[in-house]
Amino acid sequence: MIRGRMAATWRMAYEGVCEGIGILDRGGKVHEAIIQAIKNVEDNPEYVSVDYGGLPNFDGVVELDAAYMDGDTLGVGGIISVQNVKNPIEVAYDLSRYKRNCLLSGEGLLGMPRNMGLRFAIC
């Protein structure tokens, strides 16, 4: 049996990568494995770089970024400079399915109608 494979460049991503490999080994989809691996890092306040443990900007505000690209469809989505969004990777993935408005920033993201199918939680 060929096991799922994933790679990450940061040591803090190890546990998430292991979770992602588990998803692949159980027949899950690649995007599910990637999102879970990244959410593992985003959700951990001990990591002083992203999401809960994110480093503030010059004004002392934590702003988040995330990007997702599907190598098969070349769909791309991203968010930049947003505040108070839990799991930005989920929003980036959702945006990758749209032909327009696939890169949003700051207040532009929060103003998007939820009926677009964007799933995000304000924290």
PDB file of N, CA and C in Angstrom:
ATOM      1  N   MET A   1       0.839  -1.179   0.000  1.00  0.00           N
ATOM      2  CA  MET A   1       0.000   0.000   0.000  1.00  0.00           C
ATOM      3  C   MET A   1       0.886   1.244   0.000  1.00  0.00           C
ATOM      4  N   ILE A   2       0.599   2.176  -0.877  1.00  0.00           N
ATOM      5  CA  ILE A   2       1.332   3.433  -0.916  1.00  0.00           C
ATOM      6  C   ILE A   2       0.662   4.397   0.057  1.00  0.00           C
ATOM      7  N   ARG A   3       1.446   4.924   0.960  1.00  0.00           N
ATOM      8  CA  ARG A   3       0.914   5.871   1.944  1.00  0.00           C
ATOM      9  C   ARG A   3       0.890   7.278   1.359  1.00  0.00           C
ATOM     10  N   GLY A   4      -0.022   8.085   1.922  1.00  0.00           N
ATOM     11  CA  GLY A   4      -0.067   9.487   1.538  1.00  0.00           C
ATOM     12  C   GLY A   4       1.233  10.176   1.899  1.00  0.00           C
ATOM     13  N   ARG A   5       1.587  11.187   1.147  1.00  0.00           N
ATOM     14  CA  ARG A   5       2.823  11.924   1.412  1.00  0.00           C
ATOM     15  C   ARG A   5       2.536  13.403   1.435  1.00  0.00           C
ATOM     16  N   MET A   6       3.175  14.069   2.371  1.00  0.00           N
ATOM     17  CA  MET A   6       3.095  15.522   2.485  1.00  0.00           C
ATOM     18  C   MET A   6       4.443  16.007   2.971  1.00  0.00           C
ATOM     19  N   ALA A   7       4.723  17.262   2.709  1.00  0.00           N
ATOM     20  CA  ALA A   7       5.956  17.873   3.178  1.00  0.00           C
ATOM     21  C   ALA A   7       5.645  19.266   3.700  1.00  0.00           C
ATOM     22  N   ALA A   8       6.442  19.702   4.645  1.00  0.00           N
ATOM     23  CA  ALA A   8       6.311  21.055   5.184  1.00  0.00           C
ATOM     24  C   ALA A   8       7.707  21.584   5.442  1.00  0.00           C
ATOM     25  N   THR A   9       7.833  22.882   5.432  1.00  0.00           N
ATOM     26  CA  THR A   9       9.154  23.469   5.634  1.00  0.00           C
ATOM     27  C   THR A   9       9.400  23.889   7.078  1.00  0.00           C
ATOM     28  N   TRP A  10       8.356  23.943   7.893  1.00  0.00           N
ATOM     29  CA  TRP A  10       8.536  24.372   9.277  1.00  0.00           C
ATOM     30  C   TRP A  10       8.340  23.204  10.223  1.00  0.00           C
ATOM     31  N   ARG A  11       9.171  23.134  11.211  1.00  0.00           N
ATOM     32  CA  ARG A  11       9.101  22.074  12.210  1.00  0.00           C
ATOM     33  C   ARG A  11       7.753  22.066  12.927  1.00  0.00           C
ATOM     34  N   MET A  12       7.170  23.240  13.137  1.00  0.00           N
ATOM     35  CA  MET A  12       5.904  23.323  13.857  1.00  0.00           C
ATOM     36  C   MET A  12       4.755  22.680  13.077  1.00  0.00           C
ATOM     37  N   ALA A  13       4.964  22.373  11.809  1.00  0.00           N
ATOM     38  CA  ALA A  13       3.920  21.777  10.986  1.00  0.00           C
ATOM     39  C   ALA A  13       3.904  20.250  11.063  1.00  0.00           C
ATOM     40  N   TYR A  14       4.820  19.667  11.794  1.00  0.00           N
ATOM     41  CA  TYR A  14       4.963  18.205  11.814  1.00  0.00           C
ATOM     42  C   TYR A  14       3.662  17.496  12.202  1.00  0.00           C
ATOM     43  N   GLU A  15       3.045  17.901  13.300  1.00  0.00           N
ATOM     44  CA  GLU A  15       1.817  17.235  13.754  1.00  0.00           C
ATOM     45  C   GLU A  15       0.699  17.374  12.724  1.00  0.00           C
ATOM     46  N   GLY A  16       0.564  18.556  12.145  1.00  0.00           N
ATOM     47  CA  GLY A  16      -0.454  18.762  11.131  1.00  0.00           C
ATOM     48  C   GLY A  16      -0.212  17.912   9.893  1.00  0.00           C
ATOM     49  N   VAL A  17       1.040  17.782   9.500  1.00  0.00           N
ATOM     50  CA  VAL A  17       1.379  16.945   8.353  1.00  0.00           C
ATOM     51  C   VAL A  17       1.017  15.495   8.657  1.00  0.00           C
ATOM     52  N   CYS A  18       1.291  15.046   9.873  1.00  0.00           N
ATOM     53  CA  CYS A  18       0.918  13.679  10.253  1.00  0.00           C
ATOM     54  C   CYS A  18      -0.602  13.488  10.164  1.00  0.00           C
ATOM     55  N   GLU A  19      -1.361  14.486  10.612  1.00  0.00           N
ATOM     56  CA  GLU A  19      -2.822  14.415  10.495  1.00  0.00           C
ATOM     57  C   GLU A  19      -3.238  14.367   9.021  1.00  0.00           C
ATOM     58  N   GLY A  20      -2.609  15.195   8.202  1.00  0.00           N
ATOM     59  CA  GLY A  20      -2.917  15.212   6.775  1.00  0.00           C
ATOM     60  C   GLY A  20      -2.625  13.883   6.111  1.00  0.00           C
ATOM     61  N   ILE A  21      -1.511  13.268   6.458  1.00  0.00           N
ATOM     62  CA  ILE A  21      -1.175  11.951   5.909  1.00  0.00           C
ATOM     63  C   ILE A  21      -2.227  10.929   6.314  1.00  0.00           C
ATOM     64  N   GLY A  22      -2.700  11.029   7.557  1.00  0.00           N
ATOM     65  CA  GLY A  22      -3.761  10.133   8.004  1.00  0.00           C
ATOM     66  C   GLY A  22      -5.022  10.291   7.164  1.00  0.00           C
ATOM     67  N   ILE A  23      -5.365  11.512   6.832  1.00  0.00           N
ATOM     68  CA  ILE A  23      -6.539  11.774   5.977  1.00  0.00           C
ATOM     69  C   ILE A  23      -6.343  11.128   4.610  1.00  0.00           C
ATOM     70  N   LEU A  24      -5.163  11.305   4.034  1.00  0.00           N
ATOM     71  CA  LEU A  24      -4.880  10.701   2.725  1.00  0.00           C
ATOM     72  C   LEU A  24      -4.915   9.177   2.797  1.00  0.00           C
ATOM     73  N   ASP A  25      -4.351   8.615   3.861  1.00  0.00           N
ATOM     74  CA  ASP A  25      -4.325   7.156   4.012  1.00  0.00           C
ATOM     75  C   ASP A  25      -5.730   6.569   4.147  1.00  0.00           C
ATOM     76  N   ARG A  26      -6.661   7.368   4.674  1.00  0.00           N
ATOM     77  CA  ARG A  26      -8.041   6.904   4.813  1.00  0.00           C
ATOM     78  C   ARG A  26      -8.870   7.202   3.557  1.00  0.00           C
ATOM     79  N   GLY A  27      -8.223   7.660   2.502  1.00  0.00           N
ATOM     80  CA  GLY A  27      -8.915   7.925   1.249  1.00  0.00           C
ATOM     81  C   GLY A  27      -9.487   9.324   1.137  1.00  0.00           C
ATOM     82  N   GLY A  28      -9.097  10.210   2.040  1.00  0.00           N
ATOM     83  CA  GLY A  28      -9.579  11.589   1.993  1.00  0.00           C
ATOM     84  C   GLY A  28      -9.005  12.349   0.817  1.00  0.00           C
ATOM     85  N   LYS A  29      -9.563  13.492   0.564  1.00  0.00           N
ATOM     86  CA  LYS A  29      -9.135  14.327  -0.556  1.00  0.00           C
ATOM     87  C   LYS A  29      -7.898  15.138  -0.176  1.00  0.00           C
ATOM     88  N   VAL A  30      -7.108  15.471  -1.191  1.00  0.00           N
ATOM     89  CA  VAL A  30      -5.862  16.202  -0.972  1.00  0.00           C
ATOM     90  C   VAL A  30      -6.140  17.549  -0.295  1.00  0.00           C
ATOM     91  N   HIS A  31      -7.152  18.292  -0.766  1.00  0.00           N
ATOM     92  CA  HIS A  31      -7.407  19.603  -0.161  1.00  0.00           C
ATOM     93  C   HIS A  31      -7.801  19.463   1.315  1.00  0.00           C
ATOM     94  N   GLU A  32      -8.490  18.391   1.678  1.00  0.00           N
ATOM     95  CA  GLU A  32      -8.843  18.171   3.090  1.00  0.00           C
ATOM     96  C   GLU A  32      -7.587  17.968   3.933  1.00  0.00           C
ATOM     97  N   ALA A  33      -6.646  17.213   3.409  1.00  0.00           N
ATOM     98  CA  ALA A  33      -5.393  16.951   4.123  1.00  0.00           C
ATOM     99  C   ALA A  33      -4.582  18.237   4.291  1.00  0.00           C
ATOM    100  N   ILE A  34      -4.511  19.024   3.236  1.00  0.00           N
ATOM    101  CA  ILE A  34      -3.751  20.275   3.296  1.00  0.00           C
ATOM    102  C   ILE A  34      -4.380  21.243   4.293  1.00  0.00           C
ATOM    103  N   ILE A  35      -5.691  21.402   4.202  1.00  0.00           N
ATOM    104  CA  ILE A  35      -6.376  22.331   5.104  1.00  0.00           C
ATOM    105  C   ILE A  35      -6.211  21.898   6.550  1.00  0.00           C
ATOM    106  N   GLN A  36      -6.351  20.597   6.825  1.00  0.00           N
ATOM    107  CA  GLN A  36      -6.200  20.132   8.206  1.00  0.00           C
ATOM    108  C   GLN A  36      -4.778  20.355   8.714  1.00  0.00           C
ATOM    109  N   ALA A  37      -3.794  20.106   7.874  1.00  0.00           N
ATOM    110  CA  ALA A  37      -2.402  20.313   8.279  1.00  0.00           C
ATOM    111  C   ALA A  37      -2.158  21.773   8.656  1.00  0.00           C
ATOM    112  N   ILE A  38      -2.696  22.681   7.871  1.00  0.00           N
ATOM    113  CA  ILE A  38      -2.495  24.107   8.142  1.00  0.00           C
ATOM    114  C   ILE A  38      -3.313  24.565   9.340  1.00  0.00           C
ATOM    115  N   LYS A  39      -4.536  24.070   9.465  1.00  0.00           N
ATOM    116  CA  LYS A  39      -5.364  24.436  10.615  1.00  0.00           C
ATOM    117  C   LYS A  39      -4.710  24.000  11.929  1.00  0.00           C
ATOM    118  N   ASN A  40      -3.995  22.901  11.899  1.00  0.00           N
ATOM    119  CA  ASN A  40      -3.296  22.444  13.100  1.00  0.00           C
ATOM    120  C   ASN A  40      -2.338  23.508  13.601  1.00  0.00           C
ATOM    121  N   VAL A  41      -1.648  24.161  12.684  1.00  0.00           N
ATOM    122  CA  VAL A  41      -0.721  25.241  13.052  1.00  0.00           C
ATOM    123  C   VAL A  41      -1.499  26.500  13.416  1.00  0.00           C
ATOM    124  N   GLU A  42      -2.506  26.840  12.619  1.00  0.00           N
ATOM    125  CA  GLU A  42      -3.287  28.052  12.878  1.00  0.00           C
ATOM    126  C   GLU A  42      -3.952  28.026  14.258  1.00  0.00           C
ATOM    127  N   ASP A  43      -4.376  26.860  14.679  1.00  0.00           N
ATOM    128  CA  ASP A  43      -5.130  26.740  15.931  1.00  0.00           C
ATOM    129  C   ASP A  43      -4.261  26.650  17.185  1.00  0.00           C
ATOM    130  N   ASN A  44      -2.958  26.576  17.026  1.00  0.00           N
ATOM    131  CA  ASN A  44      -2.085  26.398  18.181  1.00  0.00           C
ATOM    132  C   ASN A  44      -1.494  27.740  18.624  1.00  0.00           C
ATOM    133  N   PRO A  45      -1.921  28.235  19.791  1.00  0.00           N
ATOM    134  CA  PRO A  45      -1.435  29.544  20.252  1.00  0.00           C
ATOM    135  C   PRO A  45       0.039  29.541  20.673  1.00  0.00           C
ATOM    136  N   GLU A  46       0.636  28.361  20.765  1.00  0.00           N
ATOM    137  CA  GLU A  46       2.050  28.288  21.160  1.00  0.00           C
ATOM    138  C   GLU A  46       2.994  28.662  20.022  1.00  0.00           C
ATOM    139  N   TYR A  47       2.503  28.637  18.797  1.00  0.00           N
ATOM    140  CA  TYR A  47       3.341  28.980  17.661  1.00  0.00           C
ATOM    141  C   TYR A  47       3.311  30.491  17.452  1.00  0.00           C
ATOM    142  N   VAL A  48       4.425  31.108  17.681  1.00  0.00           N
ATOM    143  CA  VAL A  48       4.507  32.572  17.614  1.00  0.00           C
ATOM    144  C   VAL A  48       4.868  32.981  16.186  1.00  0.00           C
ATOM    145  N   SER A  49       3.911  32.840  15.286  1.00  0.00           N
ATOM    146  CA  SER A  49       4.127  33.294  13.916  1.00  0.00           C
ATOM    147  C   SER A  49       2.823  33.455  13.166  1.00  0.00           C
ATOM    148  N   VAL A  50       1.853  32.600  13.405  1.00  0.00           N
ATOM    149  CA  VAL A  50       0.611  32.640  12.640  1.00  0.00           C
ATOM    150  C   VAL A  50      -0.599  32.576  13.561  1.00  0.00           C
ATOM    151  N   ASP A  51      -1.705  33.052  13.076  1.00  0.00           N
ATOM    152  CA  ASP A  51      -3.009  33.003  13.714  1.00  0.00           C
ATOM    153  C   ASP A  51      -2.962  33.411  15.179  1.00  0.00           C
ATOM    154  N   TYR A  52      -3.406  32.565  16.096  1.00  0.00           N
ATOM    155  CA  TYR A  52      -3.516  32.964  17.504  1.00  0.00           C
ATOM    156  C   TYR A  52      -2.190  33.476  18.070  1.00  0.00           C
ATOM    157  N   GLY A  53      -1.113  32.880  17.663  1.00  0.00           N
ATOM    158  CA  GLY A  53       0.192  33.315  18.141  1.00  0.00           C
ATOM    159  C   GLY A  53       0.861  34.292  17.200  1.00  0.00           C
ATOM    160  N   GLY A  54       0.092  34.862  16.293  1.00  0.00           N
ATOM    161  CA  GLY A  54       0.637  35.732  15.260  1.00  0.00           C
ATOM    162  C   GLY A  54       1.347  36.956  15.812  1.00  0.00           C
ATOM    163  N   LEU A  55       2.338  37.363  15.090  1.00  0.00           N
ATOM    164  CA  LEU A  55       3.098  38.554  15.468  1.00  0.00           C
ATOM    165  C   LEU A  55       2.371  39.796  14.967  1.00  0.00           C
ATOM    166  N   PRO A  56       2.241  40.802  15.810  1.00  0.00           N
ATOM    167  CA  PRO A  56       1.512  42.011  15.397  1.00  0.00           C
ATOM    168  C   PRO A  56       2.304  42.853  14.398  1.00  0.00           C
ATOM    169  N   ASN A  57       1.572  43.662  13.651  1.00  0.00           N
ATOM    170  CA  ASN A  57       2.203  44.591  12.723  1.00  0.00           C
ATOM    171  C   ASN A  57       2.729  45.803  13.492  1.00  0.00           C
ATOM    172  N   PHE A  58       3.173  46.817  12.782  1.00  0.00           N
ATOM    173  CA  PHE A  58       3.755  48.011  13.401  1.00  0.00           C
ATOM    174  C   PHE A  58       2.784  48.693  14.367  1.00  0.00           C
ATOM    175  N   ASP A  59       1.484  48.602  14.072  1.00  0.00           N
ATOM    176  CA  ASP A  59       0.473  49.227  14.922  1.00  0.00           C
ATOM    177  C   ASP A  59       0.011  48.325  16.063  1.00  0.00           C
ATOM    178  N   GLY A  60       0.609  47.140  16.191  1.00  0.00           N
ATOM    179  CA  GLY A  60       0.244  46.231  17.267  1.00  0.00           C
ATOM    180  C   GLY A  60      -0.961  45.359  16.972  1.00  0.00           C
ATOM    181  N   VAL A  61      -1.357  45.268  15.712  1.00  0.00           N
ATOM    182  CA  VAL A  61      -2.529  44.493  15.312  1.00  0.00           C
ATOM    183  C   VAL A  61      -2.063  43.234  14.573  1.00  0.00           C
ATOM    184  N   VAL A  62      -2.645  42.083  14.929  1.00  0.00           N
ATOM    185  CA  VAL A  62      -2.331  40.845  14.222  1.00  0.00           C
ATOM    186  C   VAL A  62      -3.186  40.789  12.962  1.00  0.00           C
ATOM    187  N   GLU A  63      -2.525  40.727  11.821  1.00  0.00           N
ATOM    188  CA  GLU A  63      -3.200  40.587  10.540  1.00  0.00           C
ATOM    189  C   GLU A  63      -2.783  39.248   9.940  1.00  0.00           C
ATOM    190  N   LEU A  64      -3.742  38.578   9.317  1.00  0.00           N
ATOM    191  CA  LEU A  64      -3.512  37.226   8.836  1.00  0.00           C
ATOM    192  C   LEU A  64      -3.520  37.154   7.313  1.00  0.00           C
ATOM    193  N   ASP A  65      -2.792  36.179   6.792  1.00  0.00           N
ATOM    194  CA  ASP A  65      -2.720  35.910   5.363  1.00  0.00           C
ATOM    195  C   ASP A  65      -2.853  34.405   5.154  1.00  0.00           C
ATOM    196  N   ALA A  66      -3.354  34.012   4.021  1.00  0.00           N
ATOM    197  CA  ALA A  66      -3.368  32.603   3.630  1.00  0.00           C
ATOM    198  C   ALA A  66      -3.566  32.531   2.122  1.00  0.00           C
ATOM    199  N   ALA A  67      -3.008  31.488   1.521  1.00  0.00           N
ATOM    200  CA  ALA A  67      -3.175  31.280   0.088  1.00  0.00           C
ATOM    201  C   ALA A  67      -3.319  29.790  -0.179  1.00  0.00           C
ATOM    202  N   TYR A  68      -4.064  29.485  -1.234  1.00  0.00           N
ATOM    203  CA  TYR A  68      -4.281  28.095  -1.627  1.00  0.00           C
ATOM    204  C   TYR A  68      -4.292  28.043  -3.149  1.00  0.00           C
ATOM    205  N   MET A  69      -3.625  27.034  -3.720  1.00  0.00           N
ATOM    206  CA  MET A  69      -3.682  26.831  -5.171  1.00  0.00           C
ATOM    207  C   MET A  69      -3.881  25.360  -5.455  1.00  0.00           C
ATOM    208  N   ASP A  70      -4.801  25.076  -6.351  1.00  0.00           N
ATOM    209  CA  ASP A  70      -5.068  23.713  -6.781  1.00  0.00           C
ATOM    210  C   ASP A  70      -4.260  23.455  -8.044  1.00  0.00           C
ATOM    211  N   GLY A  71      -3.335  22.530  -7.966  1.00  0.00           N
ATOM    212  CA  GLY A  71      -2.461  22.254  -9.103  1.00  0.00           C
ATOM    213  C   GLY A  71      -3.170  21.623 -10.287  1.00  0.00           C
ATOM    214  N   ASP A  72      -4.318  20.991 -10.052  1.00  0.00           N
ATOM    215  CA  ASP A  72      -5.055  20.377 -11.154  1.00  0.00           C
ATOM    216  C   ASP A  72      -5.900  21.389 -11.918  1.00  0.00           C
ATOM    217  N   THR A  73      -6.592  22.251 -11.183  1.00  0.00           N
ATOM    218  CA  THR A  73      -7.483  23.222 -11.828  1.00  0.00           C
ATOM    219  C   THR A  73      -6.842  24.590 -12.006  1.00  0.00           C
ATOM    220  N   LEU A  74      -5.728  24.821 -11.332  1.00  0.00           N
ATOM    221  CA  LEU A  74      -5.043  26.108 -11.273  1.00  0.00           C
ATOM    222  C   LEU A  74      -5.903  27.181 -10.599  1.00  0.00           C
ATOM    223  N   GLY A  75      -6.917  26.744  -9.864  1.00  0.00           N
ATOM    224  CA  GLY A  75      -7.705  27.677  -9.078  1.00  0.00           C
ATOM    225  C   GLY A  75      -6.859  28.210  -7.937  1.00  0.00           C
ATOM    226  N   VAL A  76      -6.950  29.508  -7.700  1.00  0.00           N
ATOM    227  CA  VAL A  76      -6.149  30.124  -6.652  1.00  0.00           C
ATOM    228  C   VAL A  76      -7.027  31.030  -5.808  1.00  0.00           C
ATOM    229  N   GLY A  77      -6.767  31.033  -4.519  1.00  0.00           N
ATOM    230  CA  GLY A  77      -7.496  31.913  -3.616  1.00  0.00           C
ATOM    231  C   GLY A  77      -6.575  32.394  -2.525  1.00  0.00           C
ATOM    232  N   GLY A  78      -6.825  33.595  -2.063  1.00  0.00           N
ATOM    233  CA  GLY A  78      -5.980  34.106  -0.994  1.00  0.00           C
ATOM    234  C   GLY A  78      -6.636  35.246  -0.252  1.00  0.00           C
ATOM    235  N   ILE A  79      -6.222  35.395   0.988  1.00  0.00           N
ATOM    236  CA  ILE A  79      -6.627  36.548   1.777  1.00  0.00           C
ATOM    237  C   ILE A  79      -5.371  37.161   2.362  1.00  0.00           C
ATOM    238  N   ILE A  80      -5.368  38.472   2.443  1.00  0.00           N
ATOM    239  CA  ILE A  80      -4.208  39.168   2.995  1.00  0.00           C
ATOM    240  C   ILE A  80      -4.676  40.281   3.922  1.00  0.00           C
ATOM    241  N   SER A  81      -3.897  40.481   4.940  1.00  0.00           N
ATOM    242  CA  SER A  81      -4.098  41.604   5.841  1.00  0.00           C
ATOM    243  C   SER A  81      -5.500  41.644   6.449  1.00  0.00           C
ATOM    244  N   VAL A  82      -5.984  40.477   6.906  1.00  0.00           N
ATOM    245  CA  VAL A  82      -7.306  40.438   7.537  1.00  0.00           C
ATOM    246  C   VAL A  82      -7.147  40.227   9.038  1.00  0.00           C
ATOM    247  N   GLN A  83      -8.122  40.709   9.763  1.00  0.00           N
ATOM    248  CA  GLN A  83      -8.102  40.590  11.225  1.00  0.00           C
ATOM    249  C   GLN A  83      -9.290  39.761  11.678  1.00  0.00           C
ATOM    250  N   ASN A  84      -9.103  39.059  12.778  1.00  0.00           N
ATOM    251  CA  ASN A  84     -10.185  38.362  13.467  1.00  0.00           C
ATOM    252  C   ASN A  84     -10.876  37.288  12.641  1.00  0.00           C
ATOM    253  N   VAL A  85     -10.158  36.608  11.770  1.00  0.00           N
ATOM    254  CA  VAL A  85     -10.722  35.490  11.024  1.00  0.00           C
ATOM    255  C   VAL A  85     -10.050  34.211  11.516  1.00  0.00           C
ATOM    256  N   LYS A  86     -10.852  33.285  11.981  1.00  0.00           N
ATOM    257  CA  LYS A  86     -10.315  32.005  12.437  1.00  0.00           C
ATOM    258  C   LYS A  86     -10.103  31.130  11.209  1.00  0.00           C
ATOM    259  N   ASN A  87      -8.974  30.490  11.131  1.00  0.00           N
ATOM    260  CA  ASN A  87      -8.596  29.588  10.048  1.00  0.00           C
ATOM    261  C   ASN A  87      -8.677  30.228   8.665  1.00  0.00           C
ATOM    262  N   PRO A  88      -7.790  31.156   8.397  1.00  0.00           N
ATOM    263  CA  PRO A  88      -7.757  31.813   7.092  1.00  0.00           C
ATOM    264  C   PRO A  88      -7.568  30.849   5.922  1.00  0.00           C
ATOM    265  N   ILE A  89      -6.958  29.681   6.152  1.00  0.00           N
ATOM    266  CA  ILE A  89      -6.758  28.739   5.049  1.00  0.00           C
ATOM    267  C   ILE A  89      -8.090  28.259   4.481  1.00  0.00           C
ATOM    268  N   GLU A  90      -9.120  28.138   5.319  1.00  0.00           N
ATOM    269  CA  GLU A  90     -10.427  27.711   4.812  1.00  0.00           C
ATOM    270  C   GLU A  90     -11.017  28.745   3.863  1.00  0.00           C
ATOM    271  N   VAL A  91     -10.848  29.997   4.188  1.00  0.00           N
ATOM    272  CA  VAL A  91     -11.354  31.059   3.319  1.00  0.00           C
ATOM    273  C   VAL A  91     -10.575  31.066   2.002  1.00  0.00           C
ATOM    274  N   ALA A  92      -9.256  30.930   2.076  1.00  0.00           N
ATOM    275  CA  ALA A  92      -8.436  30.907   0.860  1.00  0.00           C
ATOM    276  C   ALA A  92      -8.849  29.746  -0.039  1.00  0.00           C
ATOM    277  N   TYR A  93      -9.094  28.581   0.555  1.00  0.00           N
ATOM    278  CA  TYR A  93      -9.543  27.434  -0.248  1.00  0.00           C
ATOM    279  C   TYR A  93     -10.885  27.738  -0.912  1.00  0.00           C
ATOM    280  N   ASP A  94     -11.827  28.253  -0.149  1.00  0.00           N
ATOM    281  CA  ASP A  94     -13.141  28.572  -0.714  1.00  0.00           C
ATOM    282  C   ASP A  94     -13.014  29.556  -1.877  1.00  0.00           C
ATOM    283  N   LEU A  95     -12.168  30.552  -1.730  1.00  0.00           N
ATOM    284  CA  LEU A  95     -11.991  31.539  -2.794  1.00  0.00           C
ATOM    285  C   LEU A  95     -11.345  30.938  -4.039  1.00  0.00           C
ATOM    286  N   SER A  96     -10.590  29.860  -3.875  1.00  0.00           N
ATOM    287  CA  SER A  96      -9.918  29.244  -5.030  1.00  0.00           C
ATOM    288  C   SER A  96     -10.908  28.645  -6.018  1.00  0.00           C
ATOM    289  N   ARG A  97     -12.141  28.510  -5.634  1.00  0.00           N
ATOM    290  CA  ARG A  97     -13.164  27.942  -6.519  1.00  0.00           C
ATOM    291  C   ARG A  97     -13.879  28.997  -7.354  1.00  0.00           C
ATOM    292  N   TYR A  98     -13.508  30.269  -7.180  1.00  0.00           N
ATOM    293  CA  TYR A  98     -14.133  31.358  -7.925  1.00  0.00           C
ATOM    294  C   TYR A  98     -13.198  31.896  -8.993  1.00  0.00           C
ATOM    295  N   LYS A  99     -13.766  32.329 -10.091  1.00  0.00           N
ATOM    296  CA  LYS A  99     -12.961  32.919 -11.174  1.00  0.00           C
ATOM    297  C   LYS A  99     -12.619  34.374 -10.892  1.00  0.00           C
ATOM    298  N   ARG A 100     -13.498  35.069 -10.149  1.00  0.00           N
ATOM    299  CA  ARG A 100     -13.271  36.466  -9.793  1.00  0.00           C
ATOM    300  C   ARG A 100     -13.325  36.591  -8.279  1.00  0.00           C
ATOM    301  N   ASN A 101     -12.815  37.689  -7.789  1.00  0.00           N
ATOM    302  CA  ASN A 101     -12.804  37.941  -6.338  1.00  0.00           C
ATOM    303  C   ASN A 101     -12.129  36.813  -5.578  1.00  0.00           C
ATOM    304  N   CYS A 102     -11.041  36.295  -6.124  1.00  0.00           N
ATOM    305  CA  CYS A 102     -10.367  35.180  -5.467  1.00  0.00           C
ATOM    306  C   CYS A 102      -9.209  35.644  -4.581  1.00  0.00           C
ATOM    307  N   LEU A 103      -8.950  36.933  -4.541  1.00  0.00           N
ATOM    308  CA  LEU A 103      -7.955  37.489  -3.629  1.00  0.00           C
ATOM    309  C   LEU A 103      -8.600  38.686  -2.935  1.00  0.00           C
ATOM    310  N   LEU A 104      -8.767  38.565  -1.642  1.00  0.00           N
ATOM    311  CA  LEU A 104      -9.419  39.617  -0.871  1.00  0.00           C
ATOM    312  C   LEU A 104      -8.509  40.065   0.256  1.00  0.00           C
ATOM    313  N   SER A 105      -8.680  41.318   0.646  1.00  0.00           N
ATOM    314  CA  SER A 105      -7.856  41.828   1.738  1.00  0.00           C
ATOM    315  C   SER A 105      -8.705  42.625   2.714  1.00  0.00           C
ATOM    316  N   GLY A 106      -8.234  42.663   3.942  1.00  0.00           N
ATOM    317  CA  GLY A 106      -8.812  43.493   4.990  1.00  0.00           C
ATOM    318  C   GLY A 106     -10.317  43.505   5.037  1.00  0.00           C
ATOM    319  N   GLU A 107     -10.859  44.710   5.042  1.00  0.00           N
ATOM    320  CA  GLU A 107     -12.307  44.898   5.146  1.00  0.00           C
ATOM    321  C   GLU A 107     -13.061  44.304   3.954  1.00  0.00           C
ATOM    322  N   GLY A 108     -12.387  44.173   2.812  1.00  0.00           N
ATOM    323  CA  GLY A 108     -13.031  43.596   1.638  1.00  0.00           C
ATOM    324  C   GLY A 108     -13.519  42.180   1.890  1.00  0.00           C
ATOM    325  N   LEU A 109     -12.768  41.435   2.678  1.00  0.00           N
ATOM    326  CA  LEU A 109     -13.187  40.075   2.995  1.00  0.00           C
ATOM    327  C   LEU A 109     -14.404  40.089   3.899  1.00  0.00           C
ATOM    328  N   LEU A 110     -14.372  40.893   4.924  1.00  0.00           N
ATOM    329  CA  LEU A 110     -15.470  40.899   5.879  1.00  0.00           C
ATOM    330  C   LEU A 110     -16.757  41.406   5.262  1.00  0.00           C
ATOM    331  N   GLY A 111     -16.656  42.164   4.176  1.00  0.00           N
ATOM    332  CA  GLY A 111     -17.849  42.670   3.507  1.00  0.00           C
ATOM    333  C   GLY A 111     -18.434  41.701   2.487  1.00  0.00           C
ATOM    334  N   MET A 112     -17.749  40.605   2.211  1.00  0.00           N
ATOM    335  CA  MET A 112     -18.257  39.650   1.227  1.00  0.00           C
ATOM    336  C   MET A 112     -19.489  38.946   1.774  1.00  0.00           C
ATOM    337  N   PRO A 113     -20.494  38.795   0.944  1.00  0.00           N
ATOM    338  CA  PRO A 113     -21.702  38.098   1.413  1.00  0.00           C
ATOM    339  C   PRO A 113     -21.422  36.628   1.685  1.00  0.00           C
ATOM    340  N   ARG A 114     -21.963  36.135   2.776  1.00  0.00           N
ATOM    341  CA  ARG A 114     -21.763  34.730   3.114  1.00  0.00           C
ATOM    342  C   ARG A 114     -22.480  33.800   2.141  1.00  0.00           C
ATOM    343  N   ASN A 115     -23.429  34.322   1.365  1.00  0.00           N
ATOM    344  CA  ASN A 115     -24.123  33.449   0.422  1.00  0.00           C
ATOM    345  C   ASN A 115     -23.221  33.035  -0.736  1.00  0.00           C
ATOM    346  N   MET A 116     -22.001  33.571  -0.801  1.00  0.00           N
ATOM    347  CA  MET A 116     -21.022  33.094  -1.777  1.00  0.00           C
ATOM    348  C   MET A 116     -20.535  31.704  -1.389  1.00  0.00           C
ATOM    349  N   GLY A 117     -20.860  31.276  -0.185  1.00  0.00           N
ATOM    350  CA  GLY A 117     -20.394  29.974   0.270  1.00  0.00           C
ATOM    351  C   GLY A 117     -19.101  30.055   1.057  1.00  0.00           C
ATOM    352  N   LEU A 118     -18.653  31.264   1.368  1.00  0.00           N
ATOM    353  CA  LEU A 118     -17.446  31.398   2.158  1.00  0.00           C
ATOM    354  C   LEU A 118     -17.732  30.978   3.583  1.00  0.00           C
ATOM    355  N   ARG A 119     -16.870  30.168   4.132  1.00  0.00           N
ATOM    356  CA  ARG A 119     -17.050  29.745   5.512  1.00  0.00           C
ATOM    357  C   ARG A 119     -15.919  30.346   6.335  1.00  0.00           C
ATOM    358  N   PHE A 120     -16.285  31.187   7.228  1.00  0.00           N
ATOM    359  CA  PHE A 120     -15.265  31.686   8.134  1.00  0.00           C
ATOM    360  C   PHE A 120     -15.904  32.127   9.423  1.00  0.00           C
ATOM    361  N   ALA A 121     -15.131  31.982  10.462  1.00  0.00           N
ATOM    362  CA  ALA A 121     -15.589  32.373  11.789  1.00  0.00           C
ATOM    363  C   ALA A 121     -14.815  33.597  12.227  1.00  0.00           C
ATOM    364  N   ILE A 122     -15.523  34.549  12.760  1.00  0.00           N
ATOM    365  CA  ILE A 122     -14.883  35.724  13.326  1.00  0.00           C
ATOM    366  C   ILE A 122     -14.466  35.380  14.743  1.00  0.00           C
ATOM    367  N   CYS A 123     -13.236  35.709  15.082  1.00  0.00           N
ATOM    368  CA  CYS A 123     -12.789  35.408  16.445  1.00  0.00           C
ATOM    369  C   CYS A 123     -12.436  36.682  17.162  1.00  0.00           C
TER     370      CYS A 123
END
